[in-house]
C-alpha cells in the first residue's frame, strides 16, 4: 500500500465519496432506463406508437427529398 502521508484520511475519504457518487449515478440511470422502457411498453400496448416506428397498416406518405450537391 502506498504511503499517503498525513493526508491519508482525506485522500481515502475523497475516493470513497467519489465512488459512492458514481455508484449512485449509475443506479439512478439504470432505474430511470427501466422506468422509461416500462412506460414505453405500456404506451405501445395501448396502441400508441412512436412517430419513428414503421406503420404496418398504412404506407409511408413521406416524399423522398432531393440531395443538395455541394459545389
N, C-alpha and C. Protein backbone atom coordinates (compact mmCIF):
# COMPACT_ATOMS: atom_id res chain seq x y z
N UNK A 1 0.86 -1.17 0.00
CA UNK A 1 0.00 0.00 0.00
C UNK A 1 0.90 1.24 0.00
N UNK A 2 0.57 2.23 -0.85
CA UNK A 2 1.42 3.43 -0.92
C UNK A 2 1.32 4.27 0.35
N UNK A 3 2.40 4.93 0.66
CA UNK A 3 2.42 5.82 1.82
C UNK A 3 1.78 7.14 1.41
N UNK A 4 0.65 7.47 2.00
CA UNK A 4 -0.08 8.68 1.64
C UNK A 4 0.22 9.84 2.58
N UNK A 5 1.04 9.60 3.54
CA UNK A 5 1.46 10.67 4.44
C UNK A 5 0.36 11.07 5.41
N UNK A 6 0.46 12.29 5.90
CA UNK A 6 -0.50 12.74 6.92
C UNK A 6 -1.90 13.01 6.37
N UNK A 7 -2.03 13.01 5.06
CA UNK A 7 -3.34 13.31 4.46
C UNK A 7 -4.08 12.06 3.99
N UNK A 8 -3.67 10.91 4.47
CA UNK A 8 -4.25 9.64 4.03
C UNK A 8 -5.76 9.58 4.27
N UNK A 9 -6.21 10.06 5.43
CA UNK A 9 -7.65 10.01 5.74
C UNK A 9 -8.42 10.85 4.74
N UNK A 10 -7.93 12.03 4.42
CA UNK A 10 -8.60 12.90 3.45
C UNK A 10 -8.63 12.25 2.06
N UNK A 11 -7.54 11.63 1.66
CA UNK A 11 -7.47 11.01 0.33
C UNK A 11 -8.43 9.83 0.24
N UNK A 12 -8.43 8.97 1.26
CA UNK A 12 -9.35 7.83 1.24
C UNK A 12 -10.81 8.29 1.30
N UNK A 13 -11.09 9.34 2.05
CA UNK A 13 -12.46 9.87 2.11
C UNK A 13 -12.88 10.41 0.74
N UNK A 14 -11.96 11.08 0.05
CA UNK A 14 -12.28 11.61 -1.27
C UNK A 14 -12.58 10.47 -2.25
N UNK A 15 -11.78 9.41 -2.19
CA UNK A 15 -12.04 8.25 -3.04
C UNK A 15 -13.40 7.63 -2.70
N UNK A 16 -13.71 7.51 -1.43
CA UNK A 16 -14.98 6.91 -1.01
C UNK A 16 -16.16 7.75 -1.48
N UNK A 17 -16.08 9.05 -1.31
CA UNK A 17 -17.17 9.93 -1.74
C UNK A 17 -17.35 9.84 -3.25
N UNK A 18 -16.26 9.83 -3.99
CA UNK A 18 -16.33 9.73 -5.44
C UNK A 18 -16.95 8.41 -5.87
N UNK A 19 -16.52 7.32 -5.24
CA UNK A 19 -17.08 6.01 -5.57
C UNK A 19 -18.58 5.97 -5.29
N UNK A 20 -19.00 6.49 -4.14
CA UNK A 20 -20.42 6.48 -3.78
C UNK A 20 -21.22 7.34 -4.75
N UNK A 21 -20.69 8.50 -5.15
CA UNK A 21 -21.39 9.38 -6.08
C UNK A 21 -21.56 8.71 -7.45
N UNK A 22 -20.50 8.10 -7.96
CA UNK A 22 -20.57 7.44 -9.26
C UNK A 22 -21.51 6.24 -9.19
N UNK A 23 -21.43 5.46 -8.14
CA UNK A 23 -22.33 4.31 -7.99
C UNK A 23 -23.79 4.77 -7.90
N UNK A 24 -24.04 5.86 -7.19
CA UNK A 24 -25.40 6.40 -7.11
C UNK A 24 -25.91 6.86 -8.46
N UNK A 25 -25.07 7.53 -9.23
CA UNK A 25 -25.48 7.97 -10.56
C UNK A 25 -25.79 6.79 -11.47
N UNK A 26 -24.96 5.76 -11.43
CA UNK A 26 -25.21 4.57 -12.24
C UNK A 26 -26.52 3.93 -11.82
N UNK A 27 -26.77 3.82 -10.53
CA UNK A 27 -28.01 3.22 -10.02
C UNK A 27 -29.22 3.99 -10.52
N UNK A 28 -29.20 5.32 -10.41
CA UNK A 28 -30.34 6.12 -10.84
C UNK A 28 -30.54 6.08 -12.35
N UNK A 29 -29.46 6.01 -13.11
CA UNK A 29 -29.58 5.91 -14.57
C UNK A 29 -30.22 4.58 -14.96
N UNK A 30 -29.80 3.49 -14.32
CA UNK A 30 -30.37 2.17 -14.61
C UNK A 30 -31.84 2.14 -14.22
N UNK A 31 -32.18 2.69 -13.07
CA UNK A 31 -33.58 2.73 -12.64
C UNK A 31 -34.43 3.55 -13.60
N UNK A 32 -33.93 4.70 -14.04
CA UNK A 32 -34.68 5.55 -14.96
C UNK A 32 -34.86 4.85 -16.30
N UNK A 33 -33.84 4.14 -16.77
CA UNK A 33 -33.94 3.40 -18.03
C UNK A 33 -35.04 2.34 -17.93
N UNK A 34 -35.07 1.61 -16.84
CA UNK A 34 -36.12 0.60 -16.65
C UNK A 34 -37.50 1.23 -16.62
N UNK A 35 -37.61 2.36 -15.93
CA UNK A 35 -38.91 3.05 -15.84
C UNK A 35 -39.35 3.56 -17.20
N UNK A 36 -38.44 4.16 -17.96
CA UNK A 36 -38.79 4.68 -19.28
C UNK A 36 -39.17 3.56 -20.24
N UNK A 37 -38.47 2.43 -20.17
CA UNK A 37 -38.82 1.30 -21.02
C UNK A 37 -40.19 0.74 -20.65
N UNK A 38 -40.52 0.72 -19.37
CA UNK A 38 -41.83 0.25 -18.93
C UNK A 38 -42.93 1.18 -19.41
N UNK A 39 -42.70 2.48 -19.32
CA UNK A 39 -43.68 3.46 -19.80
C UNK A 39 -43.89 3.30 -21.30
N UNK A 40 -42.79 3.14 -22.05
CA UNK A 40 -42.89 2.96 -23.49
C UNK A 40 -43.65 1.67 -23.83
N UNK A 41 -43.38 0.60 -23.12
CA UNK A 41 -44.09 -0.66 -23.37
C UNK A 41 -45.58 -0.50 -23.07
N UNK A 42 -45.93 0.20 -21.99
CA UNK A 42 -47.34 0.44 -21.67
C UNK A 42 -48.03 1.24 -22.76
N UNK A 43 -47.37 2.27 -23.26
CA UNK A 43 -47.95 3.08 -24.33
C UNK A 43 -48.13 2.27 -25.60
N UNK A 44 -47.14 1.44 -25.93
CA UNK A 44 -47.27 0.61 -27.13
C UNK A 44 -48.37 -0.43 -26.98
N UNK A 45 -48.57 -0.95 -25.77
CA UNK A 45 -49.67 -1.88 -25.53
C UNK A 45 -51.02 -1.20 -25.73
N UNK A 46 -51.09 0.10 -25.45
CA UNK A 46 -52.33 0.86 -25.63
C UNK A 46 -52.56 1.23 -27.09
N UNK A 47 -51.58 0.96 -27.94
CA UNK A 47 -51.72 1.26 -29.35
C UNK A 47 -51.06 2.57 -29.76
N UNK A 48 -50.43 3.24 -28.84
CA UNK A 48 -49.73 4.48 -29.15
C UNK A 48 -48.34 4.11 -29.65
N UNK A 49 -48.02 4.59 -30.84
CA UNK A 49 -46.74 4.26 -31.46
C UNK A 49 -45.87 5.49 -31.57
N UNK A 50 -44.59 5.26 -31.68
CA UNK A 50 -43.64 6.35 -31.92
C UNK A 50 -43.76 6.82 -33.36
N UNK A 51 -43.50 8.10 -33.59
CA UNK A 51 -43.54 8.61 -34.95
C UNK A 51 -42.48 7.96 -35.81
N UNK A 52 -41.37 7.55 -35.21
CA UNK A 52 -40.29 6.96 -35.98
C UNK A 52 -40.54 5.49 -36.31
N UNK A 53 -41.55 4.89 -35.68
CA UNK A 53 -41.84 3.47 -35.92
C UNK A 53 -42.54 3.31 -37.26
N UNK A 54 -42.22 2.24 -37.96
CA UNK A 54 -42.86 1.94 -39.24
C UNK A 54 -44.28 1.45 -38.98
N UNK A 55 -45.23 2.02 -39.67
CA UNK A 55 -46.62 1.61 -39.52
C UNK A 55 -46.90 0.45 -40.46
N UNK A 56 -47.50 -0.62 -39.97
CA UNK A 56 -47.77 -1.80 -40.78
C UNK A 56 -49.06 -1.65 -41.57
N UNK A 57 -50.03 -0.82 -41.10
CA UNK A 57 -51.31 -0.75 -41.75
C UNK A 57 -51.41 0.31 -42.85
N UNK A 58 -50.54 1.29 -42.92
CA UNK A 58 -50.61 2.27 -44.00
C UNK A 58 -49.21 2.57 -44.52
N UNK A 59 -49.10 2.76 -45.84
CA UNK A 59 -47.79 3.05 -46.41
C UNK A 59 -47.32 4.44 -46.02
N UNK A 60 -46.05 4.62 -46.13
CA UNK A 60 -45.44 5.90 -45.76
C UNK A 60 -45.88 6.98 -46.73
N UNK A 61 -46.24 8.14 -46.21
CA UNK A 61 -46.66 9.27 -47.02
C UNK A 61 -45.50 10.20 -47.34
N UNK A 62 -44.36 9.94 -46.78
CA UNK A 62 -43.22 10.84 -46.93
C UNK A 62 -42.68 10.78 -48.35
N UNK A 63 -42.37 11.97 -48.89
CA UNK A 63 -41.79 12.07 -50.22
C UNK A 63 -40.27 12.03 -50.09
N UNK A 64 -39.60 11.37 -51.01
CA UNK A 64 -38.13 11.38 -50.92
C UNK A 64 -37.62 12.78 -51.22
N UNK A 65 -36.65 13.21 -50.44
CA UNK A 65 -36.08 14.54 -50.62
C UNK A 65 -34.85 14.44 -51.52
N UNK A 66 -34.72 15.46 -52.36
CA UNK A 66 -33.56 15.51 -53.24
C UNK A 66 -32.35 15.95 -52.44
N UNK A 67 -31.21 15.38 -52.74
CA UNK A 67 -29.98 15.75 -52.06
C UNK A 67 -29.37 16.94 -52.75
N UNK A 68 -28.90 17.88 -51.95
CA UNK A 68 -28.23 19.04 -52.50
C UNK A 68 -26.76 18.70 -52.65
N UNK A 69 -26.23 19.01 -53.83
CA UNK A 69 -24.82 18.76 -54.08
C UNK A 69 -24.02 19.97 -53.64
N UNK A 70 -22.92 19.72 -53.01
CA UNK A 70 -22.05 20.80 -52.58
C UNK A 70 -21.14 21.18 -53.74
N UNK A 71 -20.94 22.49 -53.95
CA UNK A 71 -20.06 22.92 -55.05
C UNK A 71 -18.61 22.60 -54.82
